Amino acid sequence: MSLKESLQKKLETQTEYWSKQIQSLQADAEERMAKAEDDQAEAEIQKDFSERIQTLENRVEEARRKISEIRDSGEDQLNDLKARIDEWLPGGKN
């Protein structure tokens, strides 16, 4: 597998993971909101989950931009992209 393919696969796998987390959070939020005892509790649940979901959606969108950047890059740019991606992804150097 080439470096380009490897980077794309890595980002696609991470994007799938984040997308599953979003779905799980949405289901969890719906369940908790159904059990909320009052409007204030429901609003707090909504706020908490909305922020977490938005963070993940932003990561998914950024990963998609990076995948596009990889597709458009020449071989000479891939090592720099790999370093930036490795640092950006969870478990990276940041």
PDB file of N, CA and C in Angstrom:
ATOM      1  N   MET A   1       0.860  -1.176   0.000  1.00  0.00           N
ATOM      2  CA  MET A   1       0.000   0.000   0.000  1.00  0.00           C
ATOM      3  C   MET A   1       0.903   1.235   0.000  1.00  0.00           C
ATOM      4  N   SER A   2       0.600   2.164  -0.866  1.00  0.00           N
ATOM      5  CA  SER A   2       1.407   3.385  -0.958  1.00  0.00           C
ATOM      6  C   SER A   2       1.129   4.287   0.243  1.00  0.00           C
ATOM      7  N   LEU A   3       2.003   5.247   0.447  1.00  0.00           N
ATOM      8  CA  LEU A   3       1.830   6.205   1.538  1.00  0.00           C
ATOM      9  C   LEU A   3       0.518   6.962   1.379  1.00  0.00           C
ATOM     10  N   LYS A   4       0.203   7.337   0.153  1.00  0.00           N
ATOM     11  CA  LYS A   4      -1.042   8.063  -0.112  1.00  0.00           C
ATOM     12  C   LYS A   4      -2.248   7.218   0.291  1.00  0.00           C
ATOM     13  N   GLU A   5      -2.252   5.960  -0.133  1.00  0.00           N
ATOM     14  CA  GLU A   5      -3.361   5.062   0.206  1.00  0.00           C
ATOM     15  C   GLU A   5      -3.432   4.817   1.714  1.00  0.00           C
ATOM     16  N   SER A   6      -2.286   4.680   2.326  1.00  0.00           N
ATOM     17  CA  SER A   6      -2.219   4.444   3.767  1.00  0.00           C
ATOM     18  C   SER A   6      -2.792   5.624   4.548  1.00  0.00           C
ATOM     19  N   LEU A   7      -2.433   6.838   4.145  1.00  0.00           N
ATOM     20  CA  LEU A   7      -2.949   8.037   4.822  1.00  0.00           C
ATOM     21  C   LEU A   7      -4.456   8.174   4.640  1.00  0.00           C
ATOM     22  N   GLN A   8      -4.918   7.925   3.417  1.00  0.00           N
ATOM     23  CA  GLN A   8      -6.352   8.004   3.147  1.00  0.00           C
ATOM     24  C   GLN A   8      -7.104   6.985   3.996  1.00  0.00           C
ATOM     25  N   LYS A   9      -6.596   5.763   4.047  1.00  0.00           N
ATOM     26  CA  LYS A   9      -7.244   4.705   4.812  1.00  0.00           C
ATOM     27  C   LYS A   9      -7.279   5.057   6.294  1.00  0.00           C
ATOM     28  N   LYS A  10      -6.192   5.594   6.794  1.00  0.00           N
ATOM     29  CA  LYS A  10      -6.105   5.978   8.196  1.00  0.00           C
ATOM     30  C   LYS A  10      -7.173   7.023   8.533  1.00  0.00           C
ATOM     31  N   LEU A  11      -7.295   8.030   7.682  1.00  0.00           N
ATOM     32  CA  LEU A  11      -8.292   9.080   7.912  1.00  0.00           C
ATOM     33  C   LEU A  11      -9.711   8.562   7.723  1.00  0.00           C
ATOM     34  N   GLU A  12      -9.917   7.716   6.742  1.00  0.00           N
ATOM     35  CA  GLU A  12     -11.256   7.154   6.523  1.00  0.00           C
ATOM     36  C   GLU A  12     -11.682   6.298   7.717  1.00  0.00           C
ATOM     37  N   THR A  13     -10.763   5.527   8.258  1.00  0.00           N
ATOM     38  CA  THR A  13     -11.054   4.700   9.429  1.00  0.00           C
ATOM     39  C   THR A  13     -11.403   5.584  10.623  1.00  0.00           C
ATOM     40  N   GLN A  14     -10.624   6.642  10.827  1.00  0.00           N
ATOM     41  CA  GLN A  14     -10.884   7.550  11.941  1.00  0.00           C
ATOM     42  C   GLN A  14     -12.222   8.266  11.753  1.00  0.00           C
ATOM     43  N   THR A  15     -12.529   8.650  10.524  1.00  0.00           N
ATOM     44  CA  THR A  15     -13.793   9.320  10.227  1.00  0.00           C
ATOM     45  C   THR A  15     -14.968   8.396  10.531  1.00  0.00           C
ATOM     46  N   GLU A  16     -14.847   7.135  10.146  1.00  0.00           N
ATOM     47  CA  GLU A  16     -15.902   6.155  10.444  1.00  0.00           C
ATOM     48  C   GLU A  16     -16.091   6.009  11.953  1.00  0.00           C
ATOM     49  N   TYR A  17     -14.998   5.971  12.690  1.00  0.00           N
ATOM     50  CA  TYR A  17     -15.061   5.853  14.143  1.00  0.00           C
ATOM     51  C   TYR A  17     -15.778   7.055  14.747  1.00  0.00           C
ATOM     52  N   TRP A  18     -15.395   8.261  14.301  1.00  0.00           N
ATOM     53  CA  TRP A  18     -16.048   9.469  14.821  1.00  0.00           C
ATOM     54  C   TRP A  18     -17.522   9.500  14.441  1.00  0.00           C
ATOM     55  N   SER A  19     -17.860   9.065  13.244  1.00  0.00           N
ATOM     56  CA  SER A  19     -19.261   9.045  12.810  1.00  0.00           C
ATOM     57  C   SER A  19     -20.083   8.105  13.693  1.00  0.00           C
ATOM     58  N   LYS A  20     -19.507   6.964  14.044  1.00  0.00           N
ATOM     59  CA  LYS A  20     -20.194   6.029  14.944  1.00  0.00           C
ATOM     60  C   LYS A  20     -20.360   6.638  16.334  1.00  0.00           C
ATOM     61  N   GLN A  21     -19.352   7.385  16.781  1.00  0.00           N
ATOM     62  CA  GLN A  21     -19.460   8.060  18.070  1.00  0.00           C
ATOM     63  C   GLN A  21     -20.593   9.089  18.038  1.00  0.00           C
ATOM     64  N   ILE A  22     -20.725   9.811  16.942  1.00  0.00           N
ATOM     65  CA  ILE A  22     -21.796  10.796  16.794  1.00  0.00           C
ATOM     66  C   ILE A  22     -23.147  10.106  16.902  1.00  0.00           C
ATOM     67  N   GLN A  23     -23.307   9.006  16.190  1.00  0.00           N
ATOM     68  CA  GLN A  23     -24.571   8.265  16.243  1.00  0.00           C
ATOM     69  C   GLN A  23     -24.865   7.775  17.656  1.00  0.00           C
ATOM     70  N   SER A  24     -23.853   7.296  18.326  1.00  0.00           N
ATOM     71  CA  SER A  24     -24.018   6.818  19.692  1.00  0.00           C
ATOM     72  C   SER A  24     -24.401   7.956  20.639  1.00  0.00           C
ATOM     73  N   LEU A  25     -23.746   9.097  20.488  1.00  0.00           N
ATOM     74  CA  LEU A  25     -24.073  10.254  21.323  1.00  0.00           C
ATOM     75  C   LEU A  25     -25.495  10.740  21.066  1.00  0.00           C
ATOM     76  N   GLN A  26     -25.901  10.746  19.809  1.00  0.00           N
ATOM     77  CA  GLN A  26     -27.261  11.176  19.487  1.00  0.00           C
ATOM     78  C   GLN A  26     -28.283  10.247  20.135  1.00  0.00           C
ATOM     79  N   ALA A  27     -28.041   8.959  20.062  1.00  0.00           N
ATOM     80  CA  ALA A  27     -28.958   7.994  20.674  1.00  0.00           C
ATOM     81  C   ALA A  27     -28.966   8.154  22.192  1.00  0.00           C
ATOM     82  N   ASP A  28     -27.804   8.342  22.774  1.00  0.00           N
ATOM     83  CA  ASP A  28     -27.684   8.532  24.219  1.00  0.00           C
ATOM     84  C   ASP A  28     -28.414   9.804  24.654  1.00  0.00           C
ATOM     85  N   ALA A  29     -28.255  10.863  23.880  1.00  0.00           N
ATOM     86  CA  ALA A  29     -28.922  12.127  24.197  1.00  0.00           C
ATOM     87  C   ALA A  29     -30.441  11.968  24.139  1.00  0.00           C
ATOM     88  N   GLU A  30     -30.925  11.294  23.117  1.00  0.00           N
ATOM     89  CA  GLU A  30     -32.375  11.082  22.996  1.00  0.00           C
ATOM     90  C   GLU A  30     -32.910  10.285  24.179  1.00  0.00           C
ATOM     91  N   GLU A  31     -32.158   9.270  24.571  1.00  0.00           N
ATOM     92  CA  GLU A  31     -32.578   8.438  25.697  1.00  0.00           C
ATOM     93  C   GLU A  31     -32.601   9.252  26.993  1.00  0.00           C
ATOM     94  N   ARG A  32     -31.557  10.028  27.216  1.00  0.00           N
ATOM     95  CA  ARG A  32     -31.495  10.839  28.441  1.00  0.00           C
ATOM     96  C   ARG A  32     -32.545  11.938  28.457  1.00  0.00           C
ATOM     97  N   MET A  33     -32.810  12.524  27.292  1.00  0.00           N
ATOM     98  CA  MET A  33     -33.822  13.571  27.227  1.00  0.00           C
ATOM     99  C   MET A  33     -35.208  12.988  27.506  1.00  0.00           C
ATOM    100  N   ALA A  34     -35.429  11.764  27.081  1.00  0.00           N
ATOM    101  CA  ALA A  34     -36.715  11.111  27.335  1.00  0.00           C
ATOM    102  C   ALA A  34     -36.908  10.872  28.836  1.00  0.00           C
ATOM    103  N   LYS A  35     -35.810  10.698  29.542  1.00  0.00           N
ATOM    104  CA  LYS A  35     -35.871  10.447  30.974  1.00  0.00           C
ATOM    105  C   LYS A  35     -35.738  11.723  31.813  1.00  0.00           C
ATOM    106  N   ALA A  36     -35.472  12.858  31.162  1.00  0.00           N
ATOM    107  CA  ALA A  36     -35.274  14.114  31.887  1.00  0.00           C
ATOM    108  C   ALA A  36     -36.536  14.473  32.661  1.00  0.00           C
ATOM    109  N   GLU A  37     -36.321  14.960  33.856  1.00  0.00           N
ATOM    110  CA  GLU A  37     -37.451  15.243  34.738  1.00  0.00           C
ATOM    111  C   GLU A  37     -38.068  16.621  34.528  1.00  0.00           C
ATOM    112  N   ASP A  38     -37.308  17.528  33.935  1.00  0.00           N
ATOM    113  CA  ASP A  38     -37.866  18.857  33.688  1.00  0.00           C
ATOM    114  C   ASP A  38     -37.156  19.515  32.505  1.00  0.00           C
ATOM    115  N   ASP A  39     -37.655  20.693  32.133  1.00  0.00           N
ATOM    116  CA  ASP A  39     -37.102  21.395  30.977  1.00  0.00           C
ATOM    117  C   ASP A  39     -35.648  21.797  31.181  1.00  0.00           C
ATOM    118  N   GLN A  40     -35.290  22.157  32.410  1.00  0.00           N
ATOM    119  CA  GLN A  40     -33.913  22.556  32.685  1.00  0.00           C
ATOM    120  C   GLN A  40     -32.961  21.378  32.490  1.00  0.00           C
ATOM    121  N   ALA A  41     -33.332  20.235  33.007  1.00  0.00           N
ATOM    122  CA  ALA A  41     -32.501  19.039  32.838  1.00  0.00           C
ATOM    123  C   ALA A  41     -32.378  18.690  31.357  1.00  0.00           C
ATOM    124  N   GLU A  42     -33.476  18.791  30.639  1.00  0.00           N
ATOM    125  CA  GLU A  42     -33.469  18.504  29.204  1.00  0.00           C
ATOM    126  C   GLU A  42     -32.548  19.477  28.468  1.00  0.00           C
ATOM    127  N   ALA A  43     -32.609  20.769  28.834  1.00  0.00           N
ATOM    128  CA  ALA A  43     -31.761  21.782  28.198  1.00  0.00           C
ATOM    129  C   ALA A  43     -30.282  21.512  28.473  1.00  0.00           C
ATOM    130  N   GLU A  44     -29.960  21.091  29.689  1.00  0.00           N
ATOM    131  CA  GLU A  44     -28.567  20.795  30.034  1.00  0.00           C
ATOM    132  C   GLU A  44     -28.056  19.590  29.240  1.00  0.00           C
ATOM    133  N   ILE A  45     -28.889  18.593  29.123  1.00  0.00           N
ATOM    134  CA  ILE A  45     -28.517  17.407  28.343  1.00  0.00           C
ATOM    135  C   ILE A  45     -28.291  17.808  26.888  1.00  0.00           C
ATOM    136  N   GLN A  46     -29.215  18.582  26.353  1.00  0.00           N
ATOM    137  CA  GLN A  46     -29.118  19.028  24.960  1.00  0.00           C
ATOM    138  C   GLN A  46     -27.831  19.820  24.736  1.00  0.00           C
ATOM    139  N   LYS A  47     -27.515  20.728  25.644  1.00  0.00           N
ATOM    140  CA  LYS A  47     -26.311  21.558  25.509  1.00  0.00           C
ATOM    141  C   LYS A  47     -25.062  20.692  25.550  1.00  0.00           C
ATOM    142  N   ASP A  48     -24.980  19.813  26.530  1.00  0.00           N
ATOM    143  CA  ASP A  48     -23.811  18.954  26.687  1.00  0.00           C
ATOM    144  C   ASP A  48     -23.586  18.096  25.443  1.00  0.00           C
ATOM    145  N   PHE A  49     -24.621  17.422  25.004  1.00  0.00           N
ATOM    146  CA  PHE A  49     -24.477  16.527  23.865  1.00  0.00           C
ATOM    147  C   PHE A  49     -24.266  17.293  22.564  1.00  0.00           C
ATOM    148  N   SER A  50     -24.893  18.450  22.423  1.00  0.00           N
ATOM    149  CA  SER A  50     -24.711  19.248  21.208  1.00  0.00           C
ATOM    150  C   SER A  50     -23.259  19.667  21.042  1.00  0.00           C
ATOM    151  N   GLU A  51     -22.642  20.081  22.137  1.00  0.00           N
ATOM    152  CA  GLU A  51     -21.238  20.495  22.076  1.00  0.00           C
ATOM    153  C   GLU A  51     -20.335  19.320  21.702  1.00  0.00           C
ATOM    154  N   ARG A  52     -20.579  18.175  22.314  1.00  0.00           N
ATOM    155  CA  ARG A  52     -19.757  16.999  22.034  1.00  0.00           C
ATOM    156  C   ARG A  52     -19.940  16.533  20.593  1.00  0.00           C
ATOM    157  N   ILE A  53     -21.186  16.533  20.131  1.00  0.00           N
ATOM    158  CA  ILE A  53     -21.475  16.119  18.757  1.00  0.00           C
ATOM    159  C   ILE A  53     -20.851  17.097  17.772  1.00  0.00           C
ATOM    160  N   GLN A  54     -20.953  18.397  18.049  1.00  0.00           N
ATOM    161  CA  GLN A  54     -20.390  19.408  17.151  1.00  0.00           C
ATOM    162  C   GLN A  54     -18.876  19.258  17.046  1.00  0.00           C
ATOM    163  N   THR A  55     -18.226  18.973  18.149  1.00  0.00           N
ATOM    164  CA  THR A  55     -16.774  18.760  18.136  1.00  0.00           C
ATOM    165  C   THR A  55     -16.413  17.595  17.220  1.00  0.00           C
ATOM    166  N   LEU A  56     -17.146  16.507  17.340  1.00  0.00           N
ATOM    167  CA  LEU A  56     -16.887  15.344  16.484  1.00  0.00           C
ATOM    168  C   LEU A  56     -17.210  15.641  15.021  1.00  0.00           C
ATOM    169  N   GLU A  57     -18.302  16.356  14.776  1.00  0.00           N
ATOM    170  CA  GLU A  57     -18.642  16.714  13.391  1.00  0.00           C
ATOM    171  C   GLU A  57     -17.553  17.587  12.776  1.00  0.00           C
ATOM    172  N   ASN A  58     -16.990  18.485  13.565  1.00  0.00           N
ATOM    173  CA  ASN A  58     -15.892  19.321  13.076  1.00  0.00           C
ATOM    174  C   ASN A  58     -14.674  18.473  12.723  1.00  0.00           C
ATOM    175  N   ARG A  59     -14.392  17.472  13.550  1.00  0.00           N
ATOM    176  CA  ARG A  59     -13.264  16.582  13.271  1.00  0.00           C
ATOM    177  C   ARG A  59     -13.494  15.783  11.997  1.00  0.00           C
ATOM    178  N   VAL A  60     -14.715  15.301  11.808  1.00  0.00           N
ATOM    179  CA  VAL A  60     -15.045  14.548  10.594  1.00  0.00           C
ATOM    180  C   VAL A  60     -14.851  15.438   9.371  1.00  0.00           C
ATOM    181  N   GLU A  61     -15.335  16.656   9.440  1.00  0.00           N
ATOM    182  CA  GLU A  61     -15.201  17.583   8.308  1.00  0.00           C
ATOM    183  C   GLU A  61     -13.728  17.883   8.023  1.00  0.00           C
ATOM    184  N   GLU A  62     -12.948  18.096   9.063  1.00  0.00           N
ATOM    185  CA  GLU A  62     -11.521  18.355   8.883  1.00  0.00           C
ATOM    186  C   GLU A  62     -10.833  17.130   8.276  1.00  0.00           C
ATOM    187  N   ALA A  63     -11.192  15.948   8.713  1.00  0.00           N
ATOM    188  CA  ALA A  63     -10.613  14.723   8.148  1.00  0.00           C
ATOM    189  C   ALA A  63     -10.950  14.613   6.662  1.00  0.00           C
ATOM    190  N   ARG A  64     -12.167  14.953   6.308  1.00  0.00           N
ATOM    191  CA  ARG A  64     -12.554  14.904   4.886  1.00  0.00           C
ATOM    192  C   ARG A  64     -11.743  15.896   4.060  1.00  0.00           C
ATOM    193  N   ARG A  65     -11.481  17.076   4.630  1.00  0.00           N
ATOM    194  CA  ARG A  65     -10.638  18.052   3.925  1.00  0.00           C
ATOM    195  C   ARG A  65      -9.218  17.500   3.748  1.00  0.00           C
ATOM    196  N   LYS A  66      -8.728  16.845   4.791  1.00  0.00           N
ATOM    197  CA  LYS A  66      -7.381  16.283   4.718  1.00  0.00           C
ATOM    198  C   LYS A  66      -7.327  15.139   3.694  1.00  0.00           C
ATOM    199  N   ILE A  67      -8.368  14.338   3.607  1.00  0.00           N
ATOM    200  CA  ILE A  67      -8.420  13.272   2.598  1.00  0.00           C
ATOM    201  C   ILE A  67      -8.364  13.886   1.207  1.00  0.00           C
ATOM    202  N   SER A  68      -9.107  14.945   1.005  1.00  0.00           N
ATOM    203  CA  SER A  68      -9.095  15.631  -0.286  1.00  0.00           C
ATOM    204  C   SER A  68      -7.701  16.191  -0.582  1.00  0.00           C
ATOM    205  N   GLU A  69      -7.080  16.741   0.443  1.00  0.00           N
ATOM    206  CA  GLU A  69      -5.727  17.283   0.280  1.00  0.00           C
ATOM    207  C   GLU A  69      -4.747  16.169  -0.100  1.00  0.00           C
ATOM    208  N   ILE A  70      -4.902  15.009   0.507  1.00  0.00           N
ATOM    209  CA  ILE A  70      -4.041  13.866   0.186  1.00  0.00           C
ATOM    210  C   ILE A  70      -4.231  13.460  -1.272  1.00  0.00           C
ATOM    211  N   ARG A  71      -5.484  13.371  -1.696  1.00  0.00           N
ATOM    212  CA  ARG A  71      -5.774  12.968  -3.082  1.00  0.00           C
ATOM    213  C   ARG A  71      -5.143  13.923  -4.089  1.00  0.00           C
ATOM    214  N   ASP A  72      -5.107  15.207  -3.728  1.00  0.00           N
ATOM    215  CA  ASP A  72      -4.588  16.226  -4.637  1.00  0.00           C
ATOM    216  C   ASP A  72      -3.078  16.426  -4.532  1.00  0.00           C
ATOM    217  N   SER A  73      -2.423  15.748  -3.594  1.00  0.00           N
ATOM    218  CA  SER A  73      -0.998  15.966  -3.358  1.00  0.00           C
ATOM    219  C   SER A  73      -0.138  15.089  -4.229  1.00  0.00           C
ATOM    220  N   GLY A  74       1.023  15.612  -4.491  1.00  0.00           N
ATOM    221  CA  GLY A  74       2.047  14.824  -5.157  1.00  0.00           C
ATOM    222  C   GLY A  74       2.828  14.033  -4.124  1.00  0.00           C
ATOM    223  N   GLU A  75       3.575  13.082  -4.582  1.00  0.00           N
ATOM    224  CA  GLU A  75       4.362  12.229  -3.676  1.00  0.00           C
ATOM    225  C   GLU A  75       5.305  13.057  -2.806  1.00  0.00           C
ATOM    226  N   ASP A  76       5.817  14.165  -3.358  1.00  0.00           N
ATOM    227  CA  ASP A  76       6.773  14.987  -2.618  1.00  0.00           C
ATOM    228  C   ASP A  76       6.144  15.696  -1.421  1.00  0.00           C
ATOM    229  N   GLN A  77       4.834  15.817  -1.379  1.00  0.00           N
ATOM    230  CA  GLN A  77       4.143  16.508  -0.288  1.00  0.00           C
ATOM    231  C   GLN A  77       3.637  15.545   0.789  1.00  0.00           C
ATOM    232  N   LEU A  78       3.665  14.269   0.524  1.00  0.00           N
ATOM    233  CA  LEU A  78       3.027  13.303   1.406  1.00  0.00           C
ATOM    234  C   LEU A  78       3.697  13.166   2.772  1.00  0.00           C
ATOM    235  N   ASN A  79       5.003  13.243   2.828  1.00  0.00           N
ATOM    236  CA  ASN A  79       5.675  13.105   4.125  1.00  0.00           C
ATOM    237  C   ASN A  79       5.293  14.240   5.065  1.00  0.00           C
ATOM    238  N   ASP A  80       5.209  15.461   4.524  1.00  0.00           N
ATOM    239  CA  ASP A  80       4.780  16.596   5.346  1.00  0.00           C
ATOM    240  C   ASP A  80       3.331  16.412   5.804  1.00  0.00           C
ATOM    241  N   LEU A  81       2.477  15.978   4.884  1.00  0.00           N
ATOM    242  CA  LEU A  81       1.076  15.721   5.233  1.00  0.00           C
ATOM    243  C   LEU A  81       0.967  14.624   6.284  1.00  0.00           C
ATOM    244  N   LYS A  82       1.764  13.577   6.142  1.00  0.00           N
ATOM    245  CA  LYS A  82       1.740  12.483   7.107  1.00  0.00           C
ATOM    246  C   LYS A  82       2.093  13.003   8.498  1.00  0.00           C
ATOM    247  N   ALA A  83       3.102  13.817   8.601  1.00  0.00           N
ATOM    248  CA  ALA A  83       3.512  14.365   9.898  1.00  0.00           C
ATOM    249  C   ALA A  83       2.392  15.205  10.505  1.00  0.00           C
ATOM    250  N   ARG A  84       1.760  16.042   9.693  1.00  0.00           N
ATOM    251  CA  ARG A  84       0.672  16.892  10.202  1.00  0.00           C
ATOM    252  C   ARG A  84      -0.536  16.056  10.614  1.00  0.00           C
ATOM    253  N   ILE A  85      -0.845  15.042   9.841  1.00  0.00           N
ATOM    254  CA  ILE A  85      -1.990  14.173  10.145  1.00  0.00           C
ATOM    255  C   ILE A  85      -1.722  13.368  11.417  1.00  0.00           C
ATOM    256  N   ASP A  86      -0.525  12.809  11.512  1.00  0.00           N
ATOM    257  CA  ASP A  86      -0.179  12.039  12.714  1.00  0.00           C
ATOM    258  C   ASP A  86      -0.258  12.897  13.965  1.00  0.00           C
ATOM    259  N   GLU A  87       0.132  14.140  13.852  1.00  0.00           N
ATOM    260  CA  GLU A  87       0.073  15.053  15.000  1.00  0.00           C
ATOM    261  C   GLU A  87      -1.378  15.424  15.321  1.00  0.00           C
ATOM    262  N   TRP A  88      -2.204  15.564  14.300  1.00  0.00           N
ATOM    263  CA  TRP A  88      -3.595  15.982  14.470  1.00  0.00           C
ATOM    264  C   TRP A  88      -4.489  14.872  15.032  1.00  0.00           C
ATOM    265  N   LEU A  89      -4.251  13.654  14.605  1.00  0.00           N
ATOM    266  CA  LEU A  89      -5.106  12.538  15.034  1.00  0.00           C
ATOM    267  C   LEU A  89      -4.910  12.226  16.510  1.00  0.00           C
ATOM    268  N   PRO A  90      -5.968  11.687  17.147  1.00  0.00           N
ATOM    269  CA  PRO A  90      -5.834  11.269  18.550  1.00  0.00           C
ATOM    270  C   PRO A  90      -4.673  10.305  18.702  1.00  0.00           C
ATOM    271  N   GLY A  91      -3.930  10.484  19.771  1.00  0.00           N
ATOM    272  CA  GLY A  91      -2.764   9.655  19.996  1.00  0.00           C
ATOM    273  C   GLY A  91      -1.530  10.200  19.284  1.00  0.00           C
ATOM    274  N   GLY A  92      -1.711  11.360  18.619  1.00  0.00           N
ATOM    275  CA  GLY A  92      -0.583  12.001  17.939  1.00  0.00           C
ATOM    276  C   GLY A  92       0.325  12.693  18.945  1.00  0.00           C
ATOM    277  N   LYS A  93       1.205  13.499  18.435  1.00  0.00           N
ATOM    278  CA  LYS A  93       2.201  14.142  19.276  1.00  0.00           C
ATOM    279  C   LYS A  93       1.695  15.375  20.003  1.00  0.00           C
ATOM    280  N   ASN A  94       0.488  15.842  19.685  1.00  0.00           N
ATOM    281  CA  ASN A  94      -0.016  17.072  20.282  1.00  0.00           C
ATOM    282  C   ASN A  94      -0.405  16.768  21.681  1.00  0.00           C
TER     283      ASN A  94
END
